[in-house]
Amino acid sequence: MSPASQFIYFVIYAAVMTGLFCFVFLMRQRRRTSRFPLGDDVRAMRRAGEQLDRDLAVLNERFEIQCLLLLALPLVGLGLPLWITQPFSASRHLGVVAACLALALAGLILMIRKMLATLEEIRNKRLALFGERVVADHLADLSAKGYAVFHDVPCLGGGGPFNLDHVVVGRGAVGVVETKTYRKRAGVNGKDYEVSYDGQKLVWPDRTSTRELDQVNGNAEWLRQELKKHLNLDVPVCAALTMPGWYVKGAPPQAPVLVENTKRLPNFIRERFQGGLTKEQEDLVCRHLRSLCMNVEYAAL
């Protein structure tokens, strides 16, 4: 069979498969005899880790596409040149095949590196998502005691969009809770489960950091400005930081940020998050936070 005939068969095959795909898609659209039971303007509340969940969906799709490209690279990079160079002499197409093989090999290496990076990102996002949901489960105890708890509150700052992991409202106070879920390094100084807090910095088994404290303080300030702008309430917003699975040493009572183990966090919030809001002002804050969080569309699920 000549190369021209092979090319014609390939074009016919591609056209038939494309036509079948379009036919199935159109039939699926036509067979929809039911309609969405809710109004187009209906929205659901954000869950803990809502944005992380969406990020994971995007990453999983990216990884699937990368897998398909990895499978297609040898076929396109080596099979296609072999097919095209069939009518030429071996001495002429050997160089072309060798060059295509080198390019295909480079493409494979690059794609594998991209896939490994995507897998690492998926791994970290999954850990962060699980940590946020664990914290949300513990904060649910506050709901039973009259607190309002909101998760993954969407924000827009000077550096772009971001989220407040958790916000609690109750006993006249408003508080922001930031979750940091870090893996432990076994055998570091014999204690891989402890983090010390002196009110100014965090001392981990392998490093010292203030980044987490700066972030939660910045989040609390953003929420304070948000409430002042939209509700005309200048409310001090408390800040808390929790690390699921880590034991916190120190944690001075007068520290600007409450840093505590996840299991003990609800009790410390009840003790330390005190404010001067009236019940009516609390309701006003809750309504505003609810308006921010009530933005999950059916199409996004």
C-alpha atoms as a PDB file:
ATOM      1  CA  MET A   1       0.000   0.000   0.000  1.00  0.00           C
ATOM      2  CA  SER A   2       1.397   3.341  -1.018  1.00  0.00           C
ATOM      3  CA  PRO A   3       1.947   6.164   1.521  1.00  0.00           C
ATOM      4  CA  ALA A   4      -0.722   8.220  -0.238  1.00  0.00           C
ATOM      5  CA  SER A   5      -3.282   5.441   0.267  1.00  0.00           C
ATOM      6  CA  GLN A   6      -2.278   5.076   3.910  1.00  0.00           C
ATOM      7  CA  PHE A   7      -2.713   8.807   4.432  1.00  0.00           C
ATOM      8  CA  ILE A   8      -6.172   8.721   2.840  1.00  0.00           C
ATOM      9  CA  TYR A   9      -7.217   5.846   5.110  1.00  0.00           C
ATOM     10  CA  PHE A  10      -5.916   7.749   8.114  1.00  0.00           C
ATOM     11  CA  VAL A  11      -7.926  10.860   7.175  1.00  0.00           C
ATOM     12  CA  ILE A  12     -11.071   8.756   6.651  1.00  0.00           C
ATOM     13  CA  TYR A  13     -10.581   7.059  10.030  1.00  0.00           C
ATOM     14  CA  ALA A  14     -10.136  10.401  11.813  1.00  0.00           C
ATOM     15  CA  ALA A  15     -13.225  11.843  10.103  1.00  0.00           C
ATOM     16  CA  VAL A  16     -15.371   8.813  11.012  1.00  0.00           C
ATOM     17  CA  MET A  17     -14.285   8.875  14.671  1.00  0.00           C
ATOM     18  CA  THR A  18     -14.896  12.628  14.898  1.00  0.00           C
ATOM     19  CA  GLY A  19     -18.339  12.172  13.374  1.00  0.00           C
ATOM     20  CA  LEU A  20     -19.201   9.412  15.853  1.00  0.00           C
ATOM     21  CA  PHE A  21     -18.117  11.597  18.753  1.00  0.00           C
ATOM     22  CA  CYS A  22     -20.268  14.493  17.542  1.00  0.00           C
ATOM     23  CA  PHE A  23     -23.224  12.127  17.027  1.00  0.00           C
ATOM     24  CA  VAL A  24     -23.015  10.767  20.592  1.00  0.00           C
ATOM     25  CA  PHE A  25     -22.686  14.288  22.012  1.00  0.00           C
ATOM     26  CA  LEU A  26     -25.709  15.568  20.067  1.00  0.00           C
ATOM     27  CA  MET A  27     -27.839  12.555  21.040  1.00  0.00           C
ATOM     28  CA  ARG A  28     -26.912  13.121  24.681  1.00  0.00           C
ATOM     29  CA  GLN A  29     -28.095  16.712  24.422  1.00  0.00           C
ATOM     30  CA  ARG A  30     -31.353  15.754  22.688  1.00  0.00           C
ATOM     31  CA  ARG A  31     -32.250  13.006  25.156  1.00  0.00           C
ATOM     32  CA  ARG A  32     -32.326  15.362  28.119  1.00  0.00           C
ATOM     33  CA  THR A  33     -36.031  15.209  28.924  1.00  0.00           C
ATOM     34  CA  SER A  34     -35.650  16.664  32.429  1.00  0.00           C
ATOM     35  CA  ARG A  35     -34.469  20.024  33.637  1.00  0.00           C
ATOM     36  CA  PHE A  36     -32.571  21.343  36.636  1.00  0.00           C
ATOM     37  CA  PRO A  37     -35.097  21.512  39.513  1.00  0.00           C
ATOM     38  CA  LEU A  38     -33.642  24.633  41.139  1.00  0.00           C
ATOM     39  CA  GLY A  39     -33.413  28.177  39.883  1.00  0.00           C
ATOM     40  CA  ASP A  40     -30.334  29.364  38.024  1.00  0.00           C
ATOM     41  CA  ASP A  41     -29.594  31.801  40.845  1.00  0.00           C
ATOM     42  CA  VAL A  42     -29.468  29.117  43.573  1.00  0.00           C
ATOM     43  CA  ARG A  43     -26.056  28.809  45.233  1.00  0.00           C
ATOM     44  CA  ALA A  44     -24.657  26.479  47.894  1.00  0.00           C
ATOM     45  CA  MET A  45     -22.323  27.286  50.793  1.00  0.00           C
ATOM     46  CA  ARG A  46     -18.612  26.695  50.471  1.00  0.00           C
ATOM     47  CA  ARG A  47     -17.232  23.694  52.337  1.00  0.00           C
ATOM     48  CA  ALA A  48     -13.892  23.427  54.074  1.00  0.00           C
ATOM     49  CA  GLY A  49     -11.187  23.271  51.418  1.00  0.00           C
ATOM     50  CA  GLU A  50     -13.574  24.229  48.609  1.00  0.00           C
ATOM     51  CA  GLN A  51     -10.859  25.904  46.530  1.00  0.00           C
ATOM     52  CA  LEU A  52      -8.404  23.075  47.183  1.00  0.00           C
ATOM     53  CA  ASP A  53     -11.024  20.617  45.969  1.00  0.00           C
ATOM     54  CA  ARG A  54     -11.395  22.574  42.730  1.00  0.00           C
ATOM     55  CA  ASP A  55      -7.628  22.833  42.348  1.00  0.00           C
ATOM     56  CA  LEU A  56      -7.357  19.057  42.731  1.00  0.00           C
ATOM     57  CA  ALA A  57      -9.940  18.511  39.999  1.00  0.00           C
ATOM     58  CA  VAL A  58      -7.900  20.712  37.649  1.00  0.00           C
ATOM     59  CA  LEU A  59      -4.663  18.938  38.575  1.00  0.00           C
ATOM     60  CA  ASN A  60      -6.203  15.496  38.044  1.00  0.00           C
ATOM     61  CA  GLU A  61      -7.402  16.542  34.593  1.00  0.00           C
ATOM     62  CA  ARG A  62      -3.944  17.902  33.815  1.00  0.00           C
ATOM     63  CA  PHE A  63      -2.348  14.622  34.876  1.00  0.00           C
ATOM     64  CA  GLU A  64      -4.744  12.610  32.692  1.00  0.00           C
ATOM     65  CA  ILE A  65      -3.853  14.773  29.682  1.00  0.00           C
ATOM     66  CA  GLN A  66      -0.151  14.360  30.458  1.00  0.00           C
ATOM     67  CA  CYS A  67      -0.611  10.568  30.562  1.00  0.00           C
ATOM     68  CA  LEU A  68      -2.257  10.630  27.130  1.00  0.00           C
ATOM     69  CA  LEU A  69       0.529  12.803  25.752  1.00  0.00           C
ATOM     70  CA  LEU A  70       3.114  10.442  27.221  1.00  0.00           C
ATOM     71  CA  LEU A  71       1.479   7.525  25.424  1.00  0.00           C
ATOM     72  CA  ALA A  72       1.164   9.481  22.181  1.00  0.00           C
ATOM     73  CA  LEU A  73       4.718  10.817  22.070  1.00  0.00           C
ATOM     74  CA  PRO A  74       6.421   7.572  20.922  1.00  0.00           C
ATOM     75  CA  LEU A  75       3.725   7.019  18.294  1.00  0.00           C
ATOM     76  CA  VAL A  76       3.876  10.532  16.894  1.00  0.00           C
ATOM     77  CA  GLY A  77       7.596  11.092  17.406  1.00  0.00           C
ATOM     78  CA  LEU A  78       8.779   7.788  15.964  1.00  0.00           C
ATOM     79  CA  GLY A  79       5.904   6.042  14.189  1.00  0.00           C
ATOM     80  CA  LEU A  80       4.904   9.001  12.019  1.00  0.00           C
ATOM     81  CA  PRO A  81       8.449   9.639  10.664  1.00  0.00           C
ATOM     82  CA  LEU A  82       8.833   5.915   9.886  1.00  0.00           C
ATOM     83  CA  TRP A  83       5.573   5.985   7.966  1.00  0.00           C
ATOM     84  CA  ILE A  84       6.424   9.160   6.038  1.00  0.00           C
ATOM     85  CA  THR A  85       9.944   8.013   5.072  1.00  0.00           C
ATOM     86  CA  GLN A  86       8.896   4.571   3.799  1.00  0.00           C
ATOM     87  CA  PRO A  87       9.375   5.403   0.099  1.00  0.00           C
ATOM     88  CA  PHE A  88      12.904   6.720   0.629  1.00  0.00           C
ATOM     89  CA  SER A  89      16.085   4.692   0.849  1.00  0.00           C
ATOM     90  CA  ALA A  90      17.293   3.442   4.215  1.00  0.00           C
ATOM     91  CA  SER A  91      20.348   5.687   4.143  1.00  0.00           C
ATOM     92  CA  ARG A  92      18.189   8.784   3.679  1.00  0.00           C
ATOM     93  CA  HIS A  93      15.524   8.130   6.258  1.00  0.00           C
ATOM     94  CA  LEU A  94      17.898   6.761   8.916  1.00  0.00           C
ATOM     95  CA  GLY A  95      19.019  10.269   9.848  1.00  0.00           C
ATOM     96  CA  VAL A  96      15.446  11.536   9.962  1.00  0.00           C
ATOM     97  CA  VAL A  97      14.389   8.660  12.210  1.00  0.00           C
ATOM     98  CA  ALA A  98      17.391   9.194  14.498  1.00  0.00           C
ATOM     99  CA  ALA A  99      16.594  12.905  14.835  1.00  0.00           C
ATOM    100  CA  CYS A 100      12.926  12.178  15.539  1.00  0.00           C
ATOM    101  CA  LEU A 101      13.915   9.535  18.072  1.00  0.00           C
ATOM    102  CA  ALA A 102      16.119  12.058  19.882  1.00  0.00           C
ATOM    103  CA  LEU A 103      13.299  14.608  19.915  1.00  0.00           C
ATOM    104  CA  ALA A 104      10.827  11.984  21.143  1.00  0.00           C
ATOM    105  CA  LEU A 105      13.221  10.966  23.918  1.00  0.00           C
ATOM    106  CA  ALA A 106      13.667  14.595  24.981  1.00  0.00           C
ATOM    107  CA  GLY A 107       9.889  15.027  24.920  1.00  0.00           C
ATOM    108  CA  LEU A 108       9.427  11.917  27.061  1.00  0.00           C
ATOM    109  CA  ILE A 109      11.916  13.173  29.642  1.00  0.00           C
ATOM    110  CA  LEU A 110      10.246  16.581  29.751  1.00  0.00           C
ATOM    111  CA  MET A 111       6.772  15.046  30.045  1.00  0.00           C
ATOM    112  CA  ILE A 112       7.864  12.699  32.837  1.00  0.00           C
ATOM    113  CA  ARG A 113       9.289  15.654  34.756  1.00  0.00           C
ATOM    114  CA  LYS A 114       6.019  17.540  34.315  1.00  0.00           C
ATOM    115  CA  MET A 115       4.037  14.507  35.470  1.00  0.00           C
ATOM    116  CA  LEU A 116       6.182  14.097  38.573  1.00  0.00           C
ATOM    117  CA  ALA A 117       5.712  17.796  39.397  1.00  0.00           C
ATOM    118  CA  THR A 118       1.947  17.445  38.936  1.00  0.00           C
ATOM    119  CA  LEU A 119       1.873  14.359  41.173  1.00  0.00           C
ATOM    120  CA  GLU A 120       3.776  16.220  43.886  1.00  0.00           C
ATOM    121  CA  GLU A 121       1.336  19.128  43.646  1.00  0.00           C
ATOM    122  CA  ILE A 122      -1.609  16.724  43.877  1.00  0.00           C
ATOM    123  CA  ARG A 123      -0.016  15.080  46.901  1.00  0.00           C
ATOM    124  CA  ASN A 124       0.410  18.415  48.696  1.00  0.00           C
ATOM    125  CA  LYS A 125      -3.084  19.656  47.803  1.00  0.00           C
ATOM    126  CA  ARG A 126      -4.671  16.429  49.057  1.00  0.00           C
ATOM    127  CA  LEU A 127      -2.834  16.744  52.347  1.00  0.00           C
ATOM    128  CA  ALA A 128      -3.895  20.379  52.731  1.00  0.00           C
ATOM    129  CA  LEU A 129      -7.511  19.518  51.872  1.00  0.00           C
ATOM    130  CA  PHE A 130      -7.633  16.708  54.418  1.00  0.00           C
ATOM    131  CA  GLY A 131      -6.106  18.967  57.068  1.00  0.00           C
ATOM    132  CA  GLU A 132      -8.700  21.689  56.486  1.00  0.00           C
ATOM    133  CA  ARG A 133     -11.532  19.191  56.756  1.00  0.00           C
ATOM    134  CA  VAL A 134     -10.130  17.731  59.963  1.00  0.00           C
ATOM    135  CA  VAL A 135      -9.984  21.223  61.470  1.00  0.00           C
ATOM    136  CA  ALA A 136     -13.531  21.919  60.252  1.00  0.00           C
ATOM    137  CA  ASP A 137     -14.733  18.766  62.020  1.00  0.00           C
ATOM    138  CA  HIS A 138     -13.255  19.989  65.307  1.00  0.00           C
ATOM    139  CA  LEU A 139     -14.634  23.496  64.838  1.00  0.00           C
ATOM    140  CA  ALA A 140     -18.090  21.942  64.454  1.00  0.00           C
ATOM    141  CA  ASP A 141     -18.078  21.652  68.269  1.00  0.00           C
ATOM    142  CA  LEU A 142     -18.295  25.443  68.372  1.00  0.00           C
ATOM    143  CA  SER A 143     -21.473  25.412  66.279  1.00  0.00           C
ATOM    144  CA  ALA A 144     -23.174  23.359  68.982  1.00  0.00           C
ATOM    145  CA  LYS A 145     -22.270  26.078  71.480  1.00  0.00           C
ATOM    146  CA  GLY A 146     -23.783  28.957  69.536  1.00  0.00           C
ATOM    147  CA  TYR A 147     -20.898  29.970  67.280  1.00  0.00           C
ATOM    148  CA  ALA A 148     -21.262  30.485  63.546  1.00  0.00           C
ATOM    149  CA  VAL A 149     -18.466  28.835  61.560  1.00  0.00           C
ATOM    150  CA  PHE A 150     -17.651  29.621  57.924  1.00  0.00           C
ATOM    151  CA  HIS A 151     -15.138  27.832  55.716  1.00  0.00           C
ATOM    152  CA  ASP A 152     -12.977  28.833  52.762  1.00  0.00           C
ATOM    153  CA  VAL A 153     -14.209  32.417  52.712  1.00  0.00           C
ATOM    154  CA  PRO A 154     -13.230  33.944  49.333  1.00  0.00           C
ATOM    155  CA  CYS A 155     -11.263  37.202  49.462  1.00  0.00           C
ATOM    156  CA  LEU A 156      -9.679  39.636  47.057  1.00  0.00           C
ATOM    157  CA  GLY A 157      -6.539  41.464  48.118  1.00  0.00           C
ATOM    158  CA  GLY A 158      -3.788  43.459  46.499  1.00  0.00           C
ATOM    159  CA  GLY A 159      -1.957  40.270  45.544  1.00  0.00           C
ATOM    160  CA  GLY A 160      -5.016  38.654  43.978  1.00  0.00           C
ATOM    161  CA  PRO A 161      -7.689  36.250  45.234  1.00  0.00           C
ATOM    162  CA  PHE A 162      -7.149  34.133  48.348  1.00  0.00           C
ATOM    163  CA  ASN A 163      -9.234  32.371  50.997  1.00  0.00           C
ATOM    164  CA  LEU A 164      -9.718  32.457  54.748  1.00  0.00           C
ATOM    165  CA  ASP A 165      -9.609  28.813  55.816  1.00  0.00           C
ATOM    166  CA  HIS A 166     -12.116  29.229  58.667  1.00  0.00           C
ATOM    167  CA  VAL A 167     -13.926  32.136  60.325  1.00  0.00           C
ATOM    168  CA  VAL A 168     -15.747  31.843  63.664  1.00  0.00           C
ATOM    169  CA  VAL A 169     -18.259  34.333  65.030  1.00  0.00           C
ATOM    170  CA  GLY A 170     -19.571  34.168  68.588  1.00  0.00           C
ATOM    171  CA  ARG A 171     -19.433  35.567  72.119  1.00  0.00           C
ATOM    172  CA  GLY A 172     -19.072  39.030  70.678  1.00  0.00           C
ATOM    173  CA  ALA A 173     -15.907  38.156  68.753  1.00  0.00           C
ATOM    174  CA  VAL A 174     -14.805  37.402  65.211  1.00  0.00           C
ATOM    175  CA  GLY A 175     -11.832  35.131  64.589  1.00  0.00           C
ATOM    176  CA  VAL A 176      -9.850  33.815  61.636  1.00  0.00           C
ATOM    177  CA  VAL A 177      -8.339  30.323  61.813  1.00  0.00           C
ATOM    178  CA  GLU A 178      -5.531  29.349  59.446  1.00  0.00           C
ATOM    179  CA  THR A 179      -4.723  25.670  58.883  1.00  0.00           C
ATOM    180  CA  LYS A 180      -1.224  24.477  58.009  1.00  0.00           C
ATOM    181  CA  THR A 181      -0.870  20.761  57.369  1.00  0.00           C
ATOM    182  CA  TYR A 182       2.803  19.849  57.161  1.00  0.00           C
ATOM    183  CA  ARG A 183       4.459  16.458  56.886  1.00  0.00           C
ATOM    184  CA  LYS A 184       6.793  15.407  59.661  1.00  0.00           C
ATOM    185  CA  ARG A 185      10.415  14.468  59.214  1.00  0.00           C
ATOM    186  CA  ALA A 186      11.077  11.470  61.412  1.00  0.00           C
ATOM    187  CA  GLY A 187      14.195  11.493  63.538  1.00  0.00           C
ATOM    188  CA  VAL A 188      14.939  15.228  63.401  1.00  0.00           C
ATOM    189  CA  ASN A 189      16.470  15.965  66.812  1.00  0.00           C
ATOM    190  CA  GLY A 190      14.467  13.044  68.194  1.00  0.00           C
ATOM    191  CA  LYS A 191      11.189  15.008  68.271  1.00  0.00           C
ATOM    192  CA  ASP A 192       9.533  15.261  64.901  1.00  0.00           C
ATOM    193  CA  TYR A 193       6.067  16.104  66.263  1.00  0.00           C
ATOM    194  CA  GLU A 194       6.728  19.324  68.224  1.00  0.00           C
ATOM    195  CA  VAL A 195       6.620  22.974  67.228  1.00  0.00           C
ATOM    196  CA  SER A 196       7.509  25.690  69.734  1.00  0.00           C
ATOM    197  CA  TYR A 197       5.856  29.105  69.824  1.00  0.00           C
ATOM    198  CA  ASP A 198       7.186  32.022  71.862  1.00  0.00           C
ATOM    199  CA  GLY A 199       4.684  34.614  70.678  1.00  0.00           C
ATOM    200  CA  GLN A 200       6.949  35.891  67.881  1.00  0.00           C
ATOM    201  CA  LYS A 201       8.047  32.904  65.840  1.00  0.00           C
ATOM    202  CA  LEU A 202       7.519  29.198  65.276  1.00  0.00           C
ATOM    203  CA  VAL A 203      10.404  26.804  65.875  1.00  0.00           C
ATOM    204  CA  TRP A 204      10.011  23.593  63.901  1.00  0.00           C
ATOM    205  CA  PRO A 205      12.310  20.558  64.198  1.00  0.00           C
ATOM    206  CA  ASP A 206      14.258  21.694  61.124  1.00  0.00           C
ATOM    207  CA  ARG A 207      13.629  25.436  60.795  1.00  0.00           C
ATOM    208  CA  THR A 208      12.367  28.670  62.311  1.00  0.00           C
ATOM    209  CA  SER A 209       9.525  30.526  60.643  1.00  0.00           C
ATOM    210  CA  THR A 210       7.261  33.566  60.951  1.00  0.00           C
ATOM    211  CA  ARG A 211       5.559  33.168  57.562  1.00  0.00           C
ATOM    212  CA  GLU A 212       2.519  31.356  58.952  1.00  0.00           C
ATOM    213  CA  LEU A 213       2.023  33.996  61.657  1.00  0.00           C
ATOM    214  CA  ASP A 214       2.359  36.824  59.145  1.00  0.00           C
ATOM    215  CA  GLN A 215      -0.216  35.172  56.910  1.00  0.00           C
ATOM    216  CA  VAL A 216      -2.887  34.712  59.572  1.00  0.00           C
ATOM    217  CA  ASN A 217      -2.303  38.252  60.864  1.00  0.00           C
ATOM    218  CA  GLY A 218      -2.720  39.555  57.325  1.00  0.00           C
ATOM    219  CA  ASN A 219      -5.915  37.538  56.911  1.00  0.00           C
ATOM    220  CA  ALA A 220      -7.329  38.924  60.152  1.00  0.00           C
ATOM    221  CA  GLU A 221      -6.526  42.474  59.063  1.00  0.00           C
ATOM    222  CA  TRP A 222      -8.183  41.896  55.687  1.00  0.00           C
ATOM    223  CA  LEU A 223     -11.375  40.727  57.392  1.00  0.00           C
ATOM    224  CA  ARG A 224     -11.308  43.692  59.762  1.00  0.00           C
ATOM    225  CA  GLN A 225     -11.090  46.066  56.804  1.00  0.00           C
ATOM    226  CA  GLU A 226     -13.816  44.141  54.972  1.00  0.00           C
ATOM    227  CA  LEU A 227     -16.256  44.455  57.874  1.00  0.00           C
ATOM    228  CA  LYS A 228     -15.403  48.114  58.313  1.00  0.00           C
ATOM    229  CA  LYS A 229     -15.938  48.835  54.624  1.00  0.00           C
ATOM    230  CA  HIS A 230     -19.221  46.980  54.132  1.00  0.00           C
ATOM    231  CA  LEU A 231     -20.796  47.042  57.604  1.00  0.00           C
ATOM    232  CA  ASN A 232     -19.206  50.133  59.149  1.00  0.00           C
ATOM    233  CA  LEU A 233     -18.035  47.957  62.051  1.00  0.00           C
ATOM    234  CA  ASP A 234     -14.472  48.450  63.271  1.00  0.00           C
ATOM    235  CA  VAL A 235     -14.091  45.059  64.928  1.00  0.00           C
ATOM    236  CA  PRO A 236     -10.807  43.617  66.223  1.00  0.00           C
ATOM    237  CA  VAL A 237     -10.468  40.257  64.472  1.00  0.00           C
ATOM    238  CA  CYS A 238      -8.731  37.528  66.471  1.00  0.00           C
ATOM    239  CA  ALA A 239      -6.200  35.269  64.756  1.00  0.00           C
ATOM    240  CA  ALA A 240      -5.519  31.574  65.309  1.00  0.00           C
ATOM    241  CA  LEU A 241      -3.168  29.082  63.702  1.00  0.00           C
ATOM    242  CA  THR A 242      -3.435  25.319  63.950  1.00  0.00           C
ATOM    243  CA  MET A 243      -1.302  22.487  62.587  1.00  0.00           C
ATOM    244  CA  PRO A 244      -3.107  19.123  62.508  1.00  0.00           C
ATOM    245  CA  GLY A 245      -0.968  16.374  64.019  1.00  0.00           C
ATOM    246  CA  TRP A 246       1.581  18.699  65.629  1.00  0.00           C
ATOM    247  CA  TYR A 247       2.085  19.281  69.342  1.00  0.00           C
ATOM    248  CA  VAL A 248       2.497  22.979  70.201  1.00  0.00           C
ATOM    249  CA  LYS A 249       4.866  23.949  73.012  1.00  0.00           C
ATOM    250  CA  GLY A 250       4.829  27.344  74.663  1.00  0.00           C
ATOM    251  CA  ALA A 251       1.866  29.231  73.225  1.00  0.00           C
ATOM    252  CA  PRO A 252       1.918  32.185  75.701  1.00  0.00           C
ATOM    253  CA  PRO A 253      -1.610  33.352  76.644  1.00  0.00           C
ATOM    254  CA  GLN A 254      -0.986  36.984  75.624  1.00  0.00           C
ATOM    255  CA  ALA A 255       0.524  36.162  72.229  1.00  0.00           C
ATOM    256  CA  PRO A 256      -0.991  38.093  69.300  1.00  0.00           C
ATOM    257  CA  VAL A 257      -1.822  34.835  67.504  1.00  0.00           C
ATOM    258  CA  LEU A 258      -3.386  31.806  69.165  1.00  0.00           C
ATOM    259  CA  VAL A 259      -1.328  28.796  68.072  1.00  0.00           C
ATOM    260  CA  GLU A 260      -2.726  25.501  69.271  1.00  0.00           C
ATOM    261  CA  ASN A 261      -3.149  21.821  68.545  1.00  0.00           C
ATOM    262  CA  THR A 262      -6.247  21.084  66.462  1.00  0.00           C
ATOM    263  CA  LYS A 263      -7.982  18.966  69.105  1.00  0.00           C
ATOM    264  CA  ARG A 264      -7.598  21.638  71.766  1.00  0.00           C
ATOM    265  CA  LEU A 265      -8.344  24.583  69.494  1.00  0.00           C
ATOM    266  CA  PRO A 266     -12.138  24.891  70.092  1.00  0.00           C
ATOM    267  CA  ASN A 267     -11.699  25.169  73.868  1.00  0.00           C
ATOM    268  CA  PHE A 268      -9.011  27.836  73.524  1.00  0.00           C
ATOM    269  CA  ILE A 269     -11.157  29.794  71.066  1.00  0.00           C
ATOM    270  CA  ARG A 270     -13.979  29.889  73.609  1.00  0.00           C
ATOM    271  CA  GLU A 271     -11.573  31.074  76.291  1.00  0.00           C
ATOM    272  CA  ARG A 272      -9.605  33.691  74.355  1.00  0.00           C
ATOM    273  CA  PHE A 273     -11.797  34.971  71.554  1.00  0.00           C
ATOM    274  CA  GLN A 274     -13.798  37.597  73.417  1.00  0.00           C
ATOM    275  CA  GLY A 275     -15.197  40.775  71.904  1.00  0.00           C
ATOM    276  CA  GLY A 276     -17.710  43.550  72.284  1.00  0.00           C
ATOM    277  CA  LEU A 277     -20.147  42.823  69.473  1.00  0.00           C
ATOM    278  CA  THR A 278     -23.834  42.799  70.282  1.00  0.00           C
ATOM    279  CA  LYS A 279     -26.042  39.956  69.109  1.00  0.00           C
ATOM    280  CA  GLU A 280     -27.418  42.165  66.329  1.00  0.00           C
ATOM    281  CA  GLN A 281     -23.892  43.014  65.163  1.00  0.00           C
ATOM    282  CA  GLU A 282     -22.938  39.338  65.203  1.00  0.00           C
ATOM    283  CA  ASP A 283     -25.934  38.569  63.008  1.00  0.00           C
ATOM    284  CA  LEU A 284     -24.884  41.348  60.647  1.00  0.00           C
ATOM    285  CA  VAL A 285     -21.363  39.909  60.374  1.00  0.00           C
ATOM    286  CA  CYS A 286     -22.756  36.410  59.798  1.00  0.00           C
ATOM    287  CA  ARG A 287     -25.034  37.613  57.023  1.00  0.00           C
ATOM    288  CA  HIS A 288     -22.118  39.283  55.264  1.00  0.00           C
ATOM    289  CA  LEU A 289     -19.903  36.202  55.577  1.00  0.00           C
ATOM    290  CA  ARG A 290     -22.750  34.032  54.361  1.00  0.00           C
ATOM    291  CA  SER A 291     -23.140  36.240  51.301  1.00  0.00           C
ATOM    292  CA  LEU A 292     -19.437  35.757  50.539  1.00  0.00           C
ATOM    293  CA  CYS A 293     -19.547  31.982  50.992  1.00  0.00           C
ATOM    294  CA  MET A 294     -22.848  31.316  49.226  1.00  0.00           C
ATOM    295  CA  ASN A 295     -21.317  31.181  45.757  1.00  0.00           C
ATOM    296  CA  VAL A 296     -21.014  27.508  44.774  1.00  0.00           C
ATOM    297  CA  GLU A 297     -22.803  26.919  41.480  1.00  0.00           C
ATOM    298  CA  TYR A 298     -24.163  23.578  40.311  1.00  0.00           C
ATOM    299  CA  ALA A 299     -21.904  23.727  37.257  1.00  0.00           C
ATOM    300  CA  ALA A 300     -18.837  23.945  39.517  1.00  0.00           C
ATOM    301  CA  LEU A 301     -19.560  20.613  41.227  1.00  0.00           C
END
